[in-house]
Amino acid sequence: MAKQRIKFTFPQELITTPVIYELGIRFSVVTNVRRADVREGVGWVILEIEGDESQIQNGLDWVTEMGVRVDSVGGDIVEG
């Protein structure tokens, strides 16, 4: 199983859309929210995503197509 740390940045129109839930259901990956900040105009979430490498990539492609910005994150997210 592969694991990736990813930052999603949501535009205002997608803040209330359950993108992370759909990602887990559609692509059979496990998502673990490590840090988040959601405000009225913008929101971001740092996730650990675990699963089959191809499913993770397919899921990230889908999230990007939805209009969410996807960036890779390194280091220990909780400790800084």
N, C-alpha and C. Protein backbone atom coordinates (compact mmCIF):
# COMPACT_ATOMS: atom_id res chain seq x y z
N MET A 1 0.84 -1.18 0.00
CA MET A 1 0.00 0.00 0.00
C MET A 1 0.88 1.25 0.00
N ALA A 2 0.47 2.23 -0.75
CA ALA A 2 1.17 3.50 -0.84
C ALA A 2 0.53 4.51 0.10
N LYS A 3 1.30 5.51 0.49
CA LYS A 3 0.78 6.59 1.33
C LYS A 3 1.36 7.91 0.80
N GLN A 4 0.49 8.91 0.69
CA GLN A 4 0.92 10.23 0.25
C GLN A 4 0.35 11.30 1.16
N ARG A 5 1.12 12.37 1.33
CA ARG A 5 0.62 13.55 2.05
C ARG A 5 0.32 14.61 1.01
N ILE A 6 -0.90 15.12 1.06
CA ILE A 6 -1.40 16.02 0.02
C ILE A 6 -2.11 17.21 0.67
N LYS A 7 -2.00 18.37 0.04
CA LYS A 7 -2.78 19.54 0.46
C LYS A 7 -3.81 19.84 -0.62
N PHE A 8 -5.06 19.91 -0.22
CA PHE A 8 -6.15 20.32 -1.09
C PHE A 8 -6.50 21.76 -0.75
N THR A 9 -6.60 22.62 -1.75
CA THR A 9 -7.08 23.98 -1.56
C THR A 9 -8.39 24.12 -2.33
N PHE A 10 -9.45 24.40 -1.61
CA PHE A 10 -10.79 24.43 -2.17
C PHE A 10 -11.21 25.85 -2.54
N PRO A 11 -11.75 26.03 -3.74
CA PRO A 11 -12.35 27.33 -4.05
C PRO A 11 -13.68 27.46 -3.29
N GLN A 12 -14.14 28.69 -3.18
CA GLN A 12 -15.34 28.96 -2.39
C GLN A 12 -16.53 28.08 -2.77
N GLU A 13 -16.74 27.84 -4.06
CA GLU A 13 -17.91 27.08 -4.49
C GLU A 13 -17.85 25.59 -4.15
N LEU A 14 -16.69 25.08 -3.73
CA LEU A 14 -16.57 23.66 -3.39
C LEU A 14 -16.39 23.40 -1.90
N ILE A 15 -16.40 24.45 -1.09
CA ILE A 15 -16.14 24.28 0.35
C ILE A 15 -17.15 23.33 1.01
N THR A 16 -18.40 23.37 0.60
CA THR A 16 -19.42 22.52 1.24
C THR A 16 -19.64 21.20 0.51
N THR A 17 -18.89 20.94 -0.55
CA THR A 17 -19.01 19.68 -1.30
C THR A 17 -18.17 18.61 -0.61
N PRO A 18 -18.71 17.40 -0.40
CA PRO A 18 -17.97 16.35 0.31
C PRO A 18 -16.92 15.65 -0.57
N VAL A 19 -15.95 16.41 -1.04
CA VAL A 19 -14.93 15.88 -1.96
C VAL A 19 -14.10 14.78 -1.30
N ILE A 20 -13.67 14.98 -0.06
CA ILE A 20 -12.82 13.99 0.61
C ILE A 20 -13.58 12.69 0.83
N TYR A 21 -14.81 12.78 1.23
CA TYR A 21 -15.65 11.59 1.40
C TYR A 21 -15.79 10.85 0.07
N GLU A 22 -16.12 11.57 -0.99
CA GLU A 22 -16.28 10.96 -2.32
C GLU A 22 -14.98 10.33 -2.80
N LEU A 23 -13.86 10.97 -2.52
CA LEU A 23 -12.55 10.42 -2.89
C LEU A 23 -12.37 9.04 -2.27
N GLY A 24 -12.65 8.92 -0.99
CA GLY A 24 -12.52 7.63 -0.30
C GLY A 24 -13.45 6.57 -0.85
N ILE A 25 -14.70 6.93 -1.10
CA ILE A 25 -15.70 5.97 -1.60
C ILE A 25 -15.41 5.55 -3.04
N ARG A 26 -15.19 6.52 -3.92
CA ARG A 26 -15.02 6.23 -5.35
C ARG A 26 -13.74 5.48 -5.67
N PHE A 27 -12.67 5.73 -4.90
CA PHE A 27 -11.36 5.20 -5.26
C PHE A 27 -10.79 4.24 -4.22
N SER A 28 -11.59 3.86 -3.25
CA SER A 28 -11.19 2.89 -2.23
C SER A 28 -9.86 3.24 -1.58
N VAL A 29 -9.74 4.50 -1.17
CA VAL A 29 -8.55 4.94 -0.45
C VAL A 29 -8.96 5.40 0.95
N VAL A 30 -8.02 5.36 1.87
CA VAL A 30 -8.26 5.81 3.24
C VAL A 30 -7.70 7.22 3.35
N THR A 31 -8.52 8.14 3.84
CA THR A 31 -8.08 9.52 4.02
C THR A 31 -8.01 9.84 5.50
N ASN A 32 -6.95 10.54 5.89
CA ASN A 32 -6.76 10.94 7.27
C ASN A 32 -6.44 12.44 7.28
N VAL A 33 -7.35 13.24 7.79
CA VAL A 33 -7.15 14.68 7.84
C VAL A 33 -6.13 14.98 8.93
N ARG A 34 -5.04 15.65 8.55
CA ARG A 34 -3.97 15.99 9.49
C ARG A 34 -4.05 17.44 9.96
N ARG A 35 -4.54 18.30 9.10
CA ARG A 35 -4.66 19.72 9.45
C ARG A 35 -5.64 20.35 8.46
N ALA A 36 -6.37 21.37 8.91
CA ALA A 36 -7.33 22.02 8.01
C ALA A 36 -7.62 23.44 8.48
N ASP A 37 -8.05 24.25 7.53
CA ASP A 37 -8.51 25.61 7.82
C ASP A 37 -9.59 25.93 6.79
N VAL A 38 -10.80 26.08 7.27
CA VAL A 38 -11.92 26.35 6.37
C VAL A 38 -12.57 27.66 6.81
N ARG A 39 -12.67 28.58 5.85
CA ARG A 39 -13.29 29.87 6.10
C ARG A 39 -14.34 30.12 5.04
N GLU A 40 -15.01 31.22 5.13
CA GLU A 40 -16.12 31.50 4.21
C GLU A 40 -15.68 31.50 2.75
N GLY A 41 -14.53 32.07 2.44
CA GLY A 41 -14.13 32.23 1.04
C GLY A 41 -13.19 31.18 0.50
N VAL A 42 -12.50 30.45 1.36
CA VAL A 42 -11.51 29.48 0.90
C VAL A 42 -11.26 28.46 2.01
N GLY A 43 -10.82 27.31 1.62
CA GLY A 43 -10.49 26.29 2.61
C GLY A 43 -9.35 25.42 2.12
N TRP A 44 -8.55 24.92 3.05
CA TRP A 44 -7.51 23.96 2.69
C TRP A 44 -7.48 22.84 3.71
N VAL A 45 -7.03 21.69 3.24
CA VAL A 45 -6.95 20.49 4.07
C VAL A 45 -5.67 19.76 3.72
N ILE A 46 -4.92 19.34 4.74
CA ILE A 46 -3.77 18.48 4.51
C ILE A 46 -4.18 17.07 4.92
N LEU A 47 -4.00 16.14 4.00
CA LEU A 47 -4.43 14.75 4.18
C LEU A 47 -3.28 13.78 4.04
N GLU A 48 -3.42 12.65 4.69
CA GLU A 48 -2.64 11.48 4.33
C GLU A 48 -3.63 10.58 3.58
N ILE A 49 -3.22 10.12 2.43
CA ILE A 49 -4.06 9.23 1.63
C ILE A 49 -3.32 7.92 1.48
N GLU A 50 -4.00 6.83 1.81
CA GLU A 50 -3.37 5.51 1.76
C GLU A 50 -4.21 4.57 0.90
N GLY A 51 -3.53 3.79 0.06
CA GLY A 51 -4.22 2.84 -0.78
C GLY A 51 -3.34 2.38 -1.92
N ASP A 52 -3.95 1.75 -2.90
CA ASP A 52 -3.24 1.32 -4.10
C ASP A 52 -2.74 2.56 -4.83
N GLU A 53 -1.48 2.52 -5.26
CA GLU A 53 -0.87 3.70 -5.89
C GLU A 53 -1.66 4.22 -7.08
N SER A 54 -2.16 3.32 -7.92
CA SER A 54 -2.93 3.77 -9.09
C SER A 54 -4.27 4.37 -8.68
N GLN A 55 -4.88 3.84 -7.64
CA GLN A 55 -6.15 4.40 -7.15
C GLN A 55 -5.94 5.78 -6.54
N ILE A 56 -4.83 5.95 -5.83
CA ILE A 56 -4.52 7.28 -5.29
C ILE A 56 -4.38 8.27 -6.43
N GLN A 57 -3.60 7.91 -7.45
CA GLN A 57 -3.38 8.83 -8.57
C GLN A 57 -4.68 9.13 -9.31
N ASN A 58 -5.50 8.10 -9.55
CA ASN A 58 -6.79 8.32 -10.20
C ASN A 58 -7.67 9.24 -9.37
N GLY A 59 -7.65 9.05 -8.05
CA GLY A 59 -8.43 9.90 -7.17
C GLY A 59 -7.95 11.33 -7.18
N LEU A 60 -6.64 11.53 -7.17
CA LEU A 60 -6.10 12.90 -7.20
C LEU A 60 -6.40 13.57 -8.53
N ASP A 61 -6.38 12.81 -9.61
CA ASP A 61 -6.77 13.36 -10.91
C ASP A 61 -8.23 13.81 -10.88
N TRP A 62 -9.08 13.01 -10.28
CA TRP A 62 -10.51 13.34 -10.18
C TRP A 62 -10.71 14.61 -9.33
N VAL A 63 -9.99 14.70 -8.21
CA VAL A 63 -10.11 15.87 -7.34
C VAL A 63 -9.70 17.13 -8.11
N THR A 64 -8.62 17.04 -8.86
CA THR A 64 -8.16 18.17 -9.68
C THR A 64 -9.22 18.56 -10.70
N GLU A 65 -9.83 17.56 -11.35
CA GLU A 65 -10.89 17.83 -12.33
C GLU A 65 -12.09 18.52 -11.68
N MET A 66 -12.32 18.24 -10.40
CA MET A 66 -13.42 18.87 -9.67
C MET A 66 -13.16 20.37 -9.46
N GLY A 67 -11.90 20.78 -9.56
CA GLY A 67 -11.57 22.19 -9.37
C GLY A 67 -10.79 22.48 -8.10
N VAL A 68 -10.35 21.42 -7.42
CA VAL A 68 -9.56 21.58 -6.20
C VAL A 68 -8.08 21.60 -6.57
N ARG A 69 -7.33 22.52 -5.98
CA ARG A 69 -5.88 22.54 -6.20
C ARG A 69 -5.25 21.44 -5.34
N VAL A 70 -4.35 20.65 -5.94
CA VAL A 70 -3.72 19.52 -5.26
C VAL A 70 -2.21 19.75 -5.26
N ASP A 71 -1.61 19.75 -4.06
CA ASP A 71 -0.16 19.92 -3.91
C ASP A 71 0.39 18.83 -3.00
N SER A 72 1.56 18.32 -3.33
CA SER A 72 2.25 17.35 -2.50
C SER A 72 2.83 18.06 -1.28
N VAL A 73 2.84 17.37 -0.13
CA VAL A 73 3.36 17.93 1.11
C VAL A 73 4.39 16.97 1.67
N GLY A 74 5.48 17.50 2.17
CA GLY A 74 6.50 16.67 2.81
C GLY A 74 6.62 16.99 4.29
N GLY A 75 7.36 16.17 5.01
CA GLY A 75 7.62 16.42 6.42
C GLY A 75 6.50 15.97 7.32
N ASP A 76 6.69 16.15 8.61
CA ASP A 76 5.70 15.78 9.61
C ASP A 76 4.71 16.92 9.77
N ILE A 77 3.49 16.69 9.37
CA ILE A 77 2.47 17.74 9.30
C ILE A 77 2.02 18.17 10.68
N VAL A 78 1.89 17.25 11.61
CA VAL A 78 1.37 17.58 12.93
C VAL A 78 2.41 18.33 13.75
N GLU A 79 3.68 17.94 13.66
CA GLU A 79 4.72 18.56 14.46
C GLU A 79 5.32 19.79 13.80
N GLY A 80 4.90 20.09 12.57
CA GLY A 80 5.40 21.28 11.91
C GLY A 80 6.27 20.91 10.79
